[in-house]
Amino acid sequence: MSDEHRHLLSTVPTRQTYLACPETVDPMYHAPVDSNSIHSSPSLDAQLSEDEDYLQQERRMSTVSSIETYNSEEQELAAKKQKYANDSLAYVQRLEKIFNYFSSSLYLENTVAVARDHLANERTYLAWVRTSLSTISIGVAITQLFRLDKDIFKDPQKADELAQIGKPLGLSFIMIGMMYMIFAVIRYFHSQVAMTKGYFPASRGIIIFGSIATLTALIAVFVVVLQI
């Protein structure tokens, strides 16, 4: 405060006037200002409401972003699966072309029991193959049976005779087994062609011939074994 102002306040009436209305005495006086009036802020409820709206908006944006990310991942996975399926299908089609080029199979309409009949024909063929292999194995076993050590026989000359007899007996069983194998192939294709025409060939000759040949060979083995 300047000297002039202090001089004005030196008297008692002047001081009383200053205390009552300071702005009339001190031209440099400034009335105090309420800070709340200058820096006014919104109420707490309004601020919380704005914050809640902001958080909800952020959540919605985050949810939308997550959904978009999930959808993009699903689309990529579906595209990979489709590509894998297409590649697998193309690979199978290439193999099918190769098989069709070298295959001699017949493509028949599968009506009623067509597939069942042809599969039964294949099982019959495999049964004849097993019979053939079993018969050949018996022939090999018989051949080895009559080539045992001569020391187990009292008469060495008899052992030589049995070895000579065992060889043709074993060969007879081997030939019978080979015959079964040949018949299995012929029978399979014969039945296949007949079934495509609506017929089925009931074989009888192989049953008679095979039974007679096998029985004759078994009787011969039985007689030779009795002489040991």
C-alpha atoms as a PDB file:
ATOM      1  CA  MET A   1       0.000   0.000   0.000  1.00  0.00           C
ATOM      2  CA  SER A   2       1.411   3.491  -0.926  1.00  0.00           C
ATOM      3  CA  ASP A   3       2.129   6.383   1.466  1.00  0.00           C
ATOM      4  CA  GLU A   4      -0.876   8.263   0.166  1.00  0.00           C
ATOM      5  CA  HIS A   5      -3.162   5.413   1.075  1.00  0.00           C
ATOM      6  CA  ARG A   6      -1.616   5.089   4.520  1.00  0.00           C
ATOM      7  CA  HIS A   7      -2.225   8.840   5.057  1.00  0.00           C
ATOM      8  CA  LEU A   8      -5.862   8.429   4.191  1.00  0.00           C
ATOM      9  CA  LEU A   9      -6.202   5.617   6.727  1.00  0.00           C
ATOM     10  CA  SER A  10      -4.490   7.571   9.509  1.00  0.00           C
ATOM     11  CA  THR A  11      -7.678   9.043  10.890  1.00  0.00           C
ATOM     12  CA  VAL A  12     -10.214   7.005  12.804  1.00  0.00           C
ATOM     13  CA  PRO A  13     -13.246   7.871  10.632  1.00  0.00           C
ATOM     14  CA  THR A  14     -11.311   6.971   7.600  1.00  0.00           C
ATOM     15  CA  ARG A  15     -10.346   3.569   9.056  1.00  0.00           C
ATOM     16  CA  GLN A  16     -13.968   2.894   9.959  1.00  0.00           C
ATOM     17  CA  THR A  17     -15.049   3.793   6.461  1.00  0.00           C
ATOM     18  CA  TYR A  18     -12.343   1.509   5.030  1.00  0.00           C
ATOM     19  CA  LEU A  19     -13.487  -1.371   7.144  1.00  0.00           C
ATOM     20  CA  ALA A  20     -17.090  -0.844   6.050  1.00  0.00           C
ATOM     21  CA  CYS A  21     -16.473  -0.158   2.364  1.00  0.00           C
ATOM     22  CA  PRO A  22     -12.840  -0.654   1.479  1.00  0.00           C
ATOM     23  CA  GLU A  23     -13.368  -0.075  -2.227  1.00  0.00           C
ATOM     24  CA  THR A  24     -14.333   3.600  -1.575  1.00  0.00           C
ATOM     25  CA  VAL A  25     -11.053   4.403   0.119  1.00  0.00           C
ATOM     26  CA  ASP A  26      -8.487   2.163  -1.584  1.00  0.00           C
ATOM     27  CA  PRO A  27      -8.684   2.420  -5.334  1.00  0.00           C
ATOM     28  CA  MET A  28      -6.289  -0.547  -5.574  1.00  0.00           C
ATOM     29  CA  TYR A  29      -8.593  -2.765  -3.588  1.00  0.00           C
ATOM     30  CA  HIS A  30      -9.931  -5.849  -5.262  1.00  0.00           C
ATOM     31  CA  ALA A  31     -12.778  -7.745  -3.738  1.00  0.00           C
ATOM     32  CA  PRO A  32     -11.969 -11.349  -2.959  1.00  0.00           C
ATOM     33  CA  VAL A  33     -13.204 -13.802  -5.537  1.00  0.00           C
ATOM     34  CA  ASP A  34     -14.586 -17.226  -4.710  1.00  0.00           C
ATOM     35  CA  SER A  35     -12.364 -19.860  -6.260  1.00  0.00           C
ATOM     36  CA  ASN A  36     -15.328 -22.182  -6.735  1.00  0.00           C
ATOM     37  CA  SER A  37     -16.969 -19.616  -8.991  1.00  0.00           C
ATOM     38  CA  ILE A  38     -13.874 -19.542 -11.228  1.00  0.00           C
ATOM     39  CA  HIS A  39     -13.021 -23.248 -11.265  1.00  0.00           C
ATOM     40  CA  SER A  40     -16.487 -24.695 -11.301  1.00  0.00           C
ATOM     41  CA  SER A  41     -16.633 -28.546 -11.871  1.00  0.00           C
ATOM     42  CA  PRO A  42     -19.621 -30.794 -12.722  1.00  0.00           C
ATOM     43  CA  SER A  43     -21.298 -32.672  -9.979  1.00  0.00           C
ATOM     44  CA  LEU A  44     -20.068 -36.096  -8.880  1.00  0.00           C
ATOM     45  CA  ASP A  45     -23.143 -37.900 -10.269  1.00  0.00           C
ATOM     46  CA  ALA A  46     -22.726 -36.345 -13.689  1.00  0.00           C
ATOM     47  CA  GLN A  47     -19.045 -37.268 -13.742  1.00  0.00           C
ATOM     48  CA  LEU A  48     -19.779 -40.861 -12.712  1.00  0.00           C
ATOM     49  CA  SER A  49     -22.445 -41.070 -15.389  1.00  0.00           C
ATOM     50  CA  GLU A  50     -19.987 -39.902 -18.023  1.00  0.00           C
ATOM     51  CA  ASP A  51     -17.382 -42.393 -16.785  1.00  0.00           C
ATOM     52  CA  GLU A  52     -19.905 -45.229 -16.916  1.00  0.00           C
ATOM     53  CA  ASP A  53     -20.919 -44.308 -20.456  1.00  0.00           C
ATOM     54  CA  TYR A  54     -17.263 -44.246 -21.460  1.00  0.00           C
ATOM     55  CA  LEU A  55     -16.590 -47.644 -19.885  1.00  0.00           C
ATOM     56  CA  GLN A  56     -19.645 -49.163 -21.563  1.00  0.00           C
ATOM     57  CA  GLN A  57     -18.512 -47.805 -24.894  1.00  0.00           C
ATOM     58  CA  GLU A  58     -15.044 -49.248 -24.346  1.00  0.00           C
ATOM     59  CA  ARG A  59     -16.547 -52.608 -23.413  1.00  0.00           C
ATOM     60  CA  ARG A  60     -18.692 -52.611 -26.536  1.00  0.00           C
ATOM     61  CA  MET A  61     -15.707 -51.792 -28.684  1.00  0.00           C
ATOM     62  CA  SER A  62     -13.660 -54.515 -26.991  1.00  0.00           C
ATOM     63  CA  THR A  63     -16.475 -57.046 -27.451  1.00  0.00           C
ATOM     64  CA  VAL A  64     -16.873 -56.136 -31.113  1.00  0.00           C
ATOM     65  CA  SER A  65     -13.116 -56.434 -31.611  1.00  0.00           C
ATOM     66  CA  SER A  66     -13.070 -59.848 -29.906  1.00  0.00           C
ATOM     67  CA  ILE A  67     -15.968 -61.074 -32.040  1.00  0.00           C
ATOM     68  CA  GLU A  68     -14.282 -59.853 -35.211  1.00  0.00           C
ATOM     69  CA  THR A  69     -11.037 -61.571 -34.211  1.00  0.00           C
ATOM     70  CA  TYR A  70     -12.881 -64.818 -33.442  1.00  0.00           C
ATOM     71  CA  ASN A  71     -14.764 -64.671 -36.738  1.00  0.00           C
ATOM     72  CA  SER A  72     -11.557 -64.073 -38.660  1.00  0.00           C
ATOM     73  CA  GLU A  73      -9.889 -67.025 -36.936  1.00  0.00           C
ATOM     74  CA  GLU A  74     -12.907 -69.209 -37.686  1.00  0.00           C
ATOM     75  CA  GLN A  75     -12.804 -68.171 -41.331  1.00  0.00           C
ATOM     76  CA  GLU A  76      -9.088 -68.933 -41.564  1.00  0.00           C
ATOM     77  CA  LEU A  77      -9.614 -72.340 -39.962  1.00  0.00           C
ATOM     78  CA  ALA A  78     -12.512 -73.110 -42.301  1.00  0.00           C
ATOM     79  CA  ALA A  79     -10.395 -72.056 -45.271  1.00  0.00           C
ATOM     80  CA  LYS A  80      -7.551 -74.342 -44.146  1.00  0.00           C
ATOM     81  CA  LYS A  81      -9.973 -77.256 -43.696  1.00  0.00           C
ATOM     82  CA  GLN A  82     -11.471 -76.652 -47.121  1.00  0.00           C
ATOM     83  CA  LYS A  83      -8.022 -76.483 -48.679  1.00  0.00           C
ATOM     84  CA  TYR A  84      -6.988 -79.711 -46.932  1.00  0.00           C
ATOM     85  CA  ALA A  85     -10.202 -81.407 -48.083  1.00  0.00           C
ATOM     86  CA  ASN A  86      -9.643 -80.250 -51.651  1.00  0.00           C
ATOM     87  CA  ASP A  87      -6.029 -81.462 -51.588  1.00  0.00           C
ATOM     88  CA  SER A  88      -7.087 -84.830 -50.149  1.00  0.00           C
ATOM     89  CA  LEU A  89      -9.847 -85.174 -52.734  1.00  0.00           C
ATOM     90  CA  ALA A  90      -7.445 -84.361 -55.540  1.00  0.00           C
ATOM     91  CA  TYR A  91      -4.958 -86.924 -54.194  1.00  0.00           C
ATOM     92  CA  VAL A  92      -7.657 -89.605 -53.992  1.00  0.00           C
ATOM     93  CA  GLN A  93      -8.830 -88.791 -57.504  1.00  0.00           C
ATOM     94  CA  ARG A  94      -5.287 -89.158 -58.841  1.00  0.00           C
ATOM     95  CA  LEU A  95      -4.942 -92.535 -57.126  1.00  0.00           C
ATOM     96  CA  GLU A  96      -8.312 -93.590 -58.507  1.00  0.00           C
ATOM     97  CA  LYS A  97      -7.209 -92.731 -62.033  1.00  0.00           C
ATOM     98  CA  ILE A  98      -4.052 -94.809 -61.589  1.00  0.00           C
ATOM     99  CA  PHE A  99      -6.008 -97.759 -60.185  1.00  0.00           C
ATOM    100  CA  ASN A 100      -8.581 -97.540 -62.974  1.00  0.00           C
ATOM    101  CA  TYR A 101      -5.805 -97.532 -65.562  1.00  0.00           C
ATOM    102  CA  PHE A 102      -4.207-100.739 -64.265  1.00  0.00           C
ATOM    103  CA  SER A 103      -7.320-102.380 -62.816  1.00  0.00           C
ATOM    104  CA  SER A 104      -9.360-105.064 -64.545  1.00  0.00           C
ATOM    105  CA  SER A 105     -12.281-104.878 -62.113  1.00  0.00           C
ATOM    106  CA  LEU A 106     -15.890-104.867 -63.210  1.00  0.00           C
ATOM    107  CA  TYR A 107     -18.137-102.007 -62.074  1.00  0.00           C
ATOM    108  CA  LEU A 108     -21.546-103.460 -61.374  1.00  0.00           C
ATOM    109  CA  GLU A 109     -24.723-101.873 -60.115  1.00  0.00           C
ATOM    110  CA  ASN A 110     -25.101-102.878 -56.478  1.00  0.00           C
ATOM    111  CA  THR A 111     -28.722-104.027 -56.483  1.00  0.00           C
ATOM    112  CA  VAL A 112     -30.197-106.515 -54.016  1.00  0.00           C
ATOM    113  CA  ALA A 113     -27.235-108.818 -53.164  1.00  0.00           C
ATOM    114  CA  VAL A 114     -24.697-108.140 -55.917  1.00  0.00           C
ATOM    115  CA  ALA A 115     -21.911-106.987 -53.598  1.00  0.00           C
ATOM    116  CA  ARG A 116     -22.621-109.750 -51.106  1.00  0.00           C
ATOM    117  CA  ASP A 117     -22.463-112.455 -53.793  1.00  0.00           C
ATOM    118  CA  HIS A 118     -19.189-111.224 -55.247  1.00  0.00           C
ATOM    119  CA  LEU A 119     -17.594-110.873 -51.823  1.00  0.00           C
ATOM    120  CA  ALA A 120     -18.683-114.437 -51.077  1.00  0.00           C
ATOM    121  CA  ASN A 121     -17.007-115.465 -54.330  1.00  0.00           C
ATOM    122  CA  GLU A 122     -13.772-113.846 -53.139  1.00  0.00           C
ATOM    123  CA  ARG A 123     -13.985-115.655 -49.802  1.00  0.00           C
ATOM    124  CA  THR A 124     -14.460-118.931 -51.660  1.00  0.00           C
ATOM    125  CA  TYR A 125     -11.333-118.227 -53.684  1.00  0.00           C
ATOM    126  CA  LEU A 126      -9.339-117.563 -50.504  1.00  0.00           C
ATOM    127  CA  ALA A 127     -10.644-120.804 -48.998  1.00  0.00           C
ATOM    128  CA  TRP A 128      -9.366-122.759 -52.003  1.00  0.00           C
ATOM    129  CA  VAL A 129      -5.995-120.983 -51.694  1.00  0.00           C
ATOM    130  CA  ARG A 130      -5.731-122.018 -48.040  1.00  0.00           C
ATOM    131  CA  THR A 131      -6.606-125.580 -48.969  1.00  0.00           C
ATOM    132  CA  SER A 132      -3.933-125.551 -51.666  1.00  0.00           C
ATOM    133  CA  LEU A 133      -1.244-124.264 -49.307  1.00  0.00           C
ATOM    134  CA  SER A 134      -2.196-126.793 -46.637  1.00  0.00           C
ATOM    135  CA  THR A 135      -1.972-129.677 -49.113  1.00  0.00           C
ATOM    136  CA  ILE A 136       1.416-128.513 -50.365  1.00  0.00           C
ATOM    137  CA  SER A 137       2.673-128.252 -46.776  1.00  0.00           C
ATOM    138  CA  ILE A 138       1.552-131.834 -46.153  1.00  0.00           C
ATOM    139  CA  GLY A 139       3.498-132.979 -49.211  1.00  0.00           C
ATOM    140  CA  VAL A 140       6.672-131.275 -47.981  1.00  0.00           C
ATOM    141  CA  ALA A 141       6.220-132.796 -44.513  1.00  0.00           C
ATOM    142  CA  ILE A 142       5.759-136.293 -45.928  1.00  0.00           C
ATOM    143  CA  THR A 143       8.890-135.942 -48.053  1.00  0.00           C
ATOM    144  CA  GLN A 144      10.919-134.942 -44.997  1.00  0.00           C
ATOM    145  CA  LEU A 145       9.308-137.661 -42.871  1.00  0.00           C
ATOM    146  CA  PHE A 146      10.707-140.437 -45.048  1.00  0.00           C
ATOM    147  CA  ARG A 147      14.181-138.894 -45.041  1.00  0.00           C
ATOM    148  CA  LEU A 148      14.833-139.497 -41.353  1.00  0.00           C
ATOM    149  CA  ASP A 149      18.136-140.652 -39.921  1.00  0.00           C
ATOM    150  CA  LYS A 150      18.908-144.215 -40.944  1.00  0.00           C
ATOM    151  CA  ASP A 151      20.136-145.075 -37.443  1.00  0.00           C
ATOM    152  CA  ILE A 152      16.564-145.294 -36.138  1.00  0.00           C
ATOM    153  CA  PHE A 153      15.872-148.216 -38.471  1.00  0.00           C
ATOM    154  CA  LYS A 154      17.147-151.707 -37.805  1.00  0.00           C
ATOM    155  CA  ASP A 155      17.585-152.362 -41.521  1.00  0.00           C
ATOM    156  CA  PRO A 156      19.412-149.523 -43.386  1.00  0.00           C
ATOM    157  CA  GLN A 157      18.250-150.910 -46.729  1.00  0.00           C
ATOM    158  CA  LYS A 158      14.636-150.473 -45.643  1.00  0.00           C
ATOM    159  CA  ALA A 159      15.337-146.850 -44.791  1.00  0.00           C
ATOM    160  CA  ASP A 160      16.554-146.247 -48.349  1.00  0.00           C
ATOM    161  CA  GLU A 161      13.414-147.839 -49.752  1.00  0.00           C
ATOM    162  CA  LEU A 162      11.170-145.655 -47.577  1.00  0.00           C
ATOM    163  CA  ALA A 163      13.065-142.539 -48.678  1.00  0.00           C
ATOM    164  CA  GLN A 164      12.471-143.484 -52.304  1.00  0.00           C
ATOM    165  CA  ILE A 165       8.764-144.061 -51.635  1.00  0.00           C
ATOM    166  CA  GLY A 166       8.330-140.841 -49.613  1.00  0.00           C
ATOM    167  CA  LYS A 167       9.480-138.579 -52.418  1.00  0.00           C
ATOM    168  CA  PRO A 168       6.708-139.493 -54.905  1.00  0.00           C
ATOM    169  CA  LEU A 169       4.127-139.430 -52.112  1.00  0.00           C
ATOM    170  CA  GLY A 170       5.162-135.902 -51.158  1.00  0.00           C
ATOM    171  CA  LEU A 171       5.147-134.823 -54.801  1.00  0.00           C
ATOM    172  CA  SER A 172       1.633-136.210 -55.207  1.00  0.00           C
ATOM    173  CA  PHE A 173       0.342-133.982 -52.407  1.00  0.00           C
ATOM    174  CA  ILE A 174       2.199-130.992 -53.835  1.00  0.00           C
ATOM    175  CA  MET A 175       0.636-131.590 -57.250  1.00  0.00           C
ATOM    176  CA  ILE A 176      -2.813-131.890 -55.693  1.00  0.00           C
ATOM    177  CA  GLY A 177      -2.240-128.552 -53.929  1.00  0.00           C
ATOM    178  CA  MET A 178      -1.180-126.908 -57.191  1.00  0.00           C
ATOM    179  CA  MET A 179      -4.282-128.292 -58.837  1.00  0.00           C
ATOM    180  CA  TYR A 180      -6.428-126.698 -56.129  1.00  0.00           C
ATOM    181  CA  MET A 181      -4.711-123.345 -56.748  1.00  0.00           C
ATOM    182  CA  ILE A 182      -5.359-123.478 -60.483  1.00  0.00           C
ATOM    183  CA  PHE A 183      -8.962-124.470 -59.902  1.00  0.00           C
ATOM    184  CA  ALA A 184      -9.405-121.568 -57.441  1.00  0.00           C
ATOM    185  CA  VAL A 185      -8.437-119.031 -60.111  1.00  0.00           C
ATOM    186  CA  ILE A 186     -10.616-120.609 -62.794  1.00  0.00           C
ATOM    187  CA  ARG A 187     -13.534-120.985 -60.412  1.00  0.00           C
ATOM    188  CA  TYR A 188     -13.352-117.362 -59.283  1.00  0.00           C
ATOM    189  CA  PHE A 189     -13.547-115.837 -62.765  1.00  0.00           C
ATOM    190  CA  HIS A 190     -16.103-118.369 -63.949  1.00  0.00           C
ATOM    191  CA  SER A 191     -18.405-117.556 -61.042  1.00  0.00           C
ATOM    192  CA  GLN A 192     -17.884-113.825 -61.511  1.00  0.00           C
ATOM    193  CA  VAL A 193     -18.875-113.867 -65.172  1.00  0.00           C
ATOM    194  CA  ALA A 194     -21.829-116.146 -64.473  1.00  0.00           C
ATOM    195  CA  MET A 195     -23.162-113.911 -61.673  1.00  0.00           C
ATOM    196  CA  THR A 196     -23.020-110.826 -63.915  1.00  0.00           C
ATOM    197  CA  LYS A 197     -25.408-112.681 -66.237  1.00  0.00           C
ATOM    198  CA  GLY A 198     -27.704-113.696 -63.411  1.00  0.00           C
ATOM    199  CA  TYR A 199     -26.494-117.280 -63.061  1.00  0.00           C
ATOM    200  CA  PHE A 200     -24.361-119.244 -60.628  1.00  0.00           C
ATOM    201  CA  PRO A 201     -22.253-122.294 -61.618  1.00  0.00           C
ATOM    202  CA  ALA A 202     -22.533-125.071 -59.051  1.00  0.00           C
ATOM    203  CA  SER A 203     -19.287-127.028 -59.403  1.00  0.00           C
ATOM    204  CA  ARG A 204     -19.240-130.819 -59.009  1.00  0.00           C
ATOM    205  CA  GLY A 205     -16.255-132.100 -60.987  1.00  0.00           C
ATOM    206  CA  ILE A 206     -13.582-130.581 -58.750  1.00  0.00           C
ATOM    207  CA  ILE A 207     -15.249-132.021 -55.672  1.00  0.00           C
ATOM    208  CA  ILE A 208     -15.210-135.541 -57.125  1.00  0.00           C
ATOM    209  CA  PHE A 209     -11.710-135.309 -58.594  1.00  0.00           C
ATOM    210  CA  GLY A 210     -10.176-133.637 -55.546  1.00  0.00           C
ATOM    211  CA  SER A 211     -11.748-136.106 -53.144  1.00  0.00           C
ATOM    212  CA  ILE A 212     -10.522-139.126 -55.127  1.00  0.00           C
ATOM    213  CA  ALA A 213      -6.976-137.755 -55.537  1.00  0.00           C
ATOM    214  CA  THR A 214      -6.605-136.748 -51.900  1.00  0.00           C
ATOM    215  CA  LEU A 215      -8.064-140.000 -50.608  1.00  0.00           C
ATOM    216  CA  THR A 216      -5.726-142.048 -52.833  1.00  0.00           C
ATOM    217  CA  ALA A 217      -2.662-140.163 -51.599  1.00  0.00           C
ATOM    218  CA  LEU A 218      -3.720-140.578 -47.958  1.00  0.00           C
ATOM    219  CA  ILE A 219      -4.238-144.319 -48.388  1.00  0.00           C
ATOM    220  CA  ALA A 220      -0.777-144.632 -49.929  1.00  0.00           C
ATOM    221  CA  VAL A 221       0.764-142.767 -46.994  1.00  0.00           C
ATOM    222  CA  PHE A 222      -1.146-144.960 -44.554  1.00  0.00           C
ATOM    223  CA  VAL A 223       0.138-148.153 -46.186  1.00  0.00           C
ATOM    224  CA  VAL A 224       3.731-146.929 -46.198  1.00  0.00           C
ATOM    225  CA  VAL A 225       3.578-145.884 -42.554  1.00  0.00           C
ATOM    226  CA  LEU A 226       2.332-149.361 -41.610  1.00  0.00           C
ATOM    227  CA  GLN A 227       5.474-150.861 -43.149  1.00  0.00           C
ATOM    228  CA  ILE A 228       7.848-148.789 -41.014  1.00  0.00           C
END
